[in-house]
């Protein structure tokens, strides 16, 4: 079911324009759209040269706001492709006066059009849509096709941190990471009972955990030709 356009959406998006980049590529075929680069000057946008972390699929911005506010030493770029949702995330960040947080309205397929190679130091994939039907596997944000995109924008030593409540999606992700040149660490099958410190909950995570559902988490890192961390 399609989400109804929010009232005064254009005016609200304009009001948060200083912290929001909107992809306006006319080419709907991302394979050709990413050929012509339109790199964002992240240093100028954040007004510093701090490490850049990326959250893909930020929803209404709860995790992004809390993480950025508790880590002023990094810059967080939060990505969401739904206008109705990302405007709420931007407004939440503006109201909370989070200075080191910016947003992109963009599909993950287009990231390398706007982000330079080796420019991202960490990627968060928090409760991405699992697309449970096998015919939609290529839409999953941990599918090997997306992992190849991430690899091109990740810096040496960068990591991907994933959380999900879906066991089958998590198993799929483990296979995709392992088959795409990533090592795995800190893999948890029940995050909230693992003793892990510093976890920041997303909106979905709070809901699922309150129902007693286990939360699955992993950290993936790139391996070099010798099978060691890059």
Protein backbone atom coordinates (compact mmCIF):
# COMPACT_ATOMS: atom_id res chain seq x y z
CA UNK A 1 0.00 0.00 0.00
CA UNK A 2 1.44 3.35 -1.06
CA UNK A 3 2.05 5.94 1.67
CA UNK A 4 -0.03 9.07 1.29
CA UNK A 5 1.97 12.25 0.70
CA UNK A 6 2.25 14.26 3.88
CA UNK A 7 0.62 17.67 4.13
CA UNK A 8 2.92 20.60 3.27
CA UNK A 9 5.69 18.12 2.38
CA UNK A 10 7.51 20.41 -0.07
CA UNK A 11 7.58 23.30 2.41
CA UNK A 12 8.81 21.01 5.18
CA UNK A 13 11.56 19.60 2.96
CA UNK A 14 12.63 23.12 2.03
CA UNK A 15 12.78 24.10 5.71
CA UNK A 16 15.38 21.37 6.37
CA UNK A 17 17.24 21.95 3.13
CA UNK A 18 20.48 22.86 4.87
CA UNK A 19 20.84 19.30 6.21
CA UNK A 20 19.18 17.35 3.37
CA UNK A 21 20.55 16.32 -0.02
CA UNK A 22 17.92 15.12 -2.49
CA UNK A 23 18.99 12.94 -5.39
CA UNK A 24 17.60 14.42 -8.58
CA UNK A 25 19.13 12.05 -11.13
CA UNK A 26 16.80 11.88 -14.17
CA UNK A 27 18.21 8.45 -15.05
CA UNK A 28 16.14 5.75 -13.33
CA UNK A 29 18.61 3.06 -14.39
CA UNK A 30 21.16 3.20 -11.59
CA UNK A 31 23.71 1.21 -13.62
CA UNK A 32 24.03 4.10 -16.04
CA UNK A 33 23.13 6.89 -13.60
CA UNK A 34 26.18 6.23 -11.41
CA UNK A 35 28.60 6.60 -14.33
CA UNK A 36 28.39 10.40 -14.26
CA UNK A 37 29.53 11.34 -10.78
CA UNK A 38 28.07 14.19 -8.74
CA UNK A 39 30.15 13.90 -5.61
CA UNK A 40 29.01 15.66 -2.45
CA UNK A 41 31.71 17.74 -0.79
CA UNK A 42 31.31 16.17 2.65
CA UNK A 43 34.07 18.25 4.22
CA UNK A 44 32.33 21.48 3.21
CA UNK A 45 28.86 20.20 4.16
CA UNK A 46 29.90 19.13 7.65
CA UNK A 47 32.44 21.94 7.95
CA UNK A 48 35.10 19.55 9.24
CA UNK A 49 37.18 16.56 8.20
CA UNK A 50 35.94 14.04 10.76
CA UNK A 51 35.33 10.37 9.85
CA UNK A 52 32.07 9.79 7.99
CA UNK A 53 29.64 7.08 9.12
CA UNK A 54 26.67 6.11 6.94
CA UNK A 55 23.28 4.75 7.98
CA UNK A 56 21.34 3.25 5.07
CA UNK A 57 17.60 3.21 5.73
CA UNK A 58 17.39 5.61 8.66
CA UNK A 59 13.60 5.68 9.00
CA UNK A 60 12.41 8.49 11.25
CA UNK A 61 15.94 9.09 12.52
CA UNK A 62 15.87 7.85 16.11
CA UNK A 63 19.12 5.90 15.83
CA UNK A 64 20.81 8.58 13.71
CA UNK A 65 19.99 11.39 16.13
CA UNK A 66 21.05 9.48 19.24
CA UNK A 67 24.21 8.06 17.70
CA UNK A 68 25.39 11.36 16.23
CA UNK A 69 24.69 13.25 19.43
CA UNK A 70 26.64 10.71 21.52
CA UNK A 71 29.56 10.66 19.04
CA UNK A 72 30.46 14.28 18.24
CA UNK A 73 33.84 13.10 16.92
CA UNK A 74 32.25 11.63 13.77
CA UNK A 75 29.96 12.86 11.00
CA UNK A 76 26.85 10.77 10.34
CA UNK A 77 25.15 10.72 6.96
CA UNK A 78 21.72 9.09 7.13
CA UNK A 79 20.06 7.78 3.96
CA UNK A 80 16.36 7.20 3.36
CA UNK A 81 14.53 7.13 0.04
CA UNK A 82 11.01 7.95 1.26
CA UNK A 83 10.25 11.69 1.39
CA UNK A 84 7.46 11.30 3.95
CA UNK A 85 9.83 9.53 6.32
CA UNK A 86 13.07 11.43 5.83
CA UNK A 87 11.41 14.78 6.44
CA UNK A 88 10.49 13.57 9.93
CA UNK A 89 14.07 12.45 10.54
CA UNK A 90 15.42 15.83 9.46
CA UNK A 91 12.95 17.68 11.66
CA UNK A 92 13.87 15.50 14.63
CA UNK A 93 17.57 16.24 14.11
CA UNK A 94 16.93 19.96 13.75
CA UNK A 95 14.76 20.07 16.89
CA UNK A 96 17.43 18.15 18.83
CA UNK A 97 20.12 20.51 17.48
CA UNK A 98 22.32 17.63 16.27
CA UNK A 99 25.19 19.39 14.52
CA UNK A 100 27.06 16.42 13.02
CA UNK A 101 24.16 14.78 11.19
CA UNK A 102 23.13 15.16 7.55
CA UNK A 103 20.60 13.32 5.39
CA UNK A 104 20.35 12.01 1.84
CA UNK A 105 17.11 11.18 0.05
CA UNK A 106 18.50 8.49 -2.17
CA UNK A 107 18.27 4.78 -2.93
CA UNK A 108 21.29 2.71 -1.91
CA UNK A 109 21.83 1.83 -5.58
CA UNK A 110 22.90 5.42 -6.27
CA UNK A 111 25.32 5.93 -3.38
CA UNK A 112 28.50 5.71 -5.43
CA UNK A 113 27.23 8.48 -7.69
CA UNK A 114 27.39 10.91 -4.78
CA UNK A 115 30.02 9.46 -2.42
CA UNK A 116 33.66 9.16 -3.40
CA UNK A 117 35.61 5.94 -3.18
CA UNK A 118 37.14 5.29 0.25
CA UNK A 119 35.04 8.05 1.84
CA UNK A 120 32.96 6.08 4.39
CA UNK A 121 34.40 4.70 7.62
CA UNK A 122 31.38 2.72 8.85
CA UNK A 123 28.01 1.64 7.49
CA UNK A 124 24.95 0.89 9.61
CA UNK A 125 22.22 -1.39 8.26
CA UNK A 126 19.53 -1.24 10.93
CA UNK A 127 16.44 -3.40 10.41
CA UNK A 128 16.51 -3.24 6.62
CA UNK A 129 13.50 -4.72 4.84
CA UNK A 130 14.13 -8.49 4.63
CA UNK A 131 12.17 -8.96 1.37
CA UNK A 132 11.25 -12.51 2.45
CA UNK A 133 10.33 -13.85 -1.01
CA UNK A 134 13.32 -15.42 -2.76
CA UNK A 135 12.36 -13.64 -5.99
CA UNK A 136 13.12 -10.34 -4.25
CA UNK A 137 16.48 -11.37 -2.80
CA UNK A 138 18.37 -8.86 -4.95
CA UNK A 139 16.51 -6.03 -3.19
CA UNK A 140 17.95 -6.96 0.21
CA UNK A 141 20.56 -4.42 1.34
CA UNK A 142 23.02 -7.20 2.14
CA UNK A 143 22.75 -8.82 -1.29
CA UNK A 144 26.13 -9.22 -2.97
CA UNK A 145 25.27 -6.50 -5.51
CA UNK A 146 24.84 -3.92 -2.73
CA UNK A 147 27.94 -5.21 -0.94
CA UNK A 148 30.00 -4.44 -4.04
CA UNK A 149 28.71 -0.86 -3.96
CA UNK A 150 29.58 -0.52 -0.29
CA UNK A 151 33.06 -1.91 -0.88
CA UNK A 152 33.81 0.86 -3.36
CA UNK A 153 32.89 3.67 -0.96
CA UNK A 154 34.36 2.10 2.20
CA UNK A 155 37.77 3.19 3.46
CA UNK A 156 40.46 0.78 4.63
CA UNK A 157 39.47 -0.51 8.06
CA UNK A 158 35.80 0.40 7.57
CA UNK A 159 33.09 -1.88 8.92
CA UNK A 160 29.43 -2.68 8.32
CA UNK A 161 27.25 -3.11 11.40
CA UNK A 162 23.95 -4.87 10.81
CA UNK A 163 20.97 -5.46 13.09
CA UNK A 164 17.76 -7.30 12.27
CA UNK A 165 14.96 -9.24 13.94
CA UNK A 166 14.61 -11.60 10.97
CA UNK A 167 16.54 -14.87 11.41
CA UNK A 168 16.32 -15.90 7.74
CA UNK A 169 17.50 -12.50 6.56
CA UNK A 170 20.36 -12.67 9.04
CA UNK A 171 21.40 -16.12 7.75
CA UNK A 172 21.22 -14.77 4.20
CA UNK A 173 23.39 -11.81 5.21
CA UNK A 174 26.01 -14.06 6.81
CA UNK A 175 26.28 -16.01 3.55
CA UNK A 176 26.47 -12.88 1.40
CA UNK A 177 29.16 -11.23 3.53
CA UNK A 178 31.24 -14.40 3.69
CA UNK A 179 30.99 -14.89 -0.08
CA UNK A 180 31.87 -11.29 -0.91
CA UNK A 181 35.27 -10.90 0.72
CA UNK A 182 34.19 -9.85 4.22
CA UNK A 183 35.26 -11.19 7.58
CA UNK A 184 32.79 -11.33 10.46
CA UNK A 185 33.10 -10.57 14.17
CA UNK A 186 30.93 -9.88 17.21
CA UNK A 187 28.12 -11.98 15.77
CA UNK A 188 25.18 -12.13 18.18
CA UNK A 189 22.01 -14.20 17.96
CA UNK A 190 20.39 -12.39 20.90
CA UNK A 191 21.85 -8.91 21.20
CA UNK A 192 19.84 -7.74 24.20
CA UNK A 193 20.96 -10.71 26.29
CA UNK A 194 24.56 -10.71 25.10
CA UNK A 195 26.07 -8.13 27.42
CA UNK A 196 26.88 -5.85 24.49
CA UNK A 197 27.40 -2.27 25.67
CA UNK A 198 26.60 0.96 23.90
CA UNK A 199 23.68 -0.31 21.83
CA UNK A 200 21.33 2.39 20.56
CA UNK A 201 17.86 1.13 19.72
CA UNK A 202 15.95 1.97 16.58
CA UNK A 203 12.18 2.42 16.50
CA UNK A 204 11.72 -1.11 15.13
CA UNK A 205 14.20 -2.61 17.55
CA UNK A 206 12.37 -1.25 20.58
CA UNK A 207 9.12 -2.71 19.32
CA UNK A 208 10.51 -6.16 18.52
CA UNK A 209 12.60 -6.43 21.69
CA UNK A 210 9.61 -5.47 23.84
CA UNK A 211 7.80 -8.47 22.36
CA UNK A 212 10.65 -10.74 23.44
CA UNK A 213 11.97 -11.31 19.93
CA UNK A 214 15.74 -11.85 19.64
CA UNK A 215 17.77 -9.19 17.86
CA UNK A 216 20.52 -10.42 15.56
CA UNK A 217 23.69 -8.38 15.07
CA UNK A 218 27.01 -8.65 13.24
CA UNK A 219 30.04 -6.61 12.29
CA UNK A 220 31.59 -7.18 8.87
CA UNK A 221 34.98 -5.93 7.69
CA UNK A 222 36.83 -6.11 4.40
CA UNK A 223 39.55 -8.69 3.91
CA UNK A 224 42.65 -8.22 1.79
CA UNK A 225 44.09 -10.78 -0.65
CA UNK A 226 45.77 -12.59 2.26
CA UNK A 227 42.47 -12.98 4.13
CA UNK A 228 43.39 -10.35 6.70
CA UNK A 229 41.55 -7.18 7.70
CA UNK A 230 42.23 -4.30 5.32
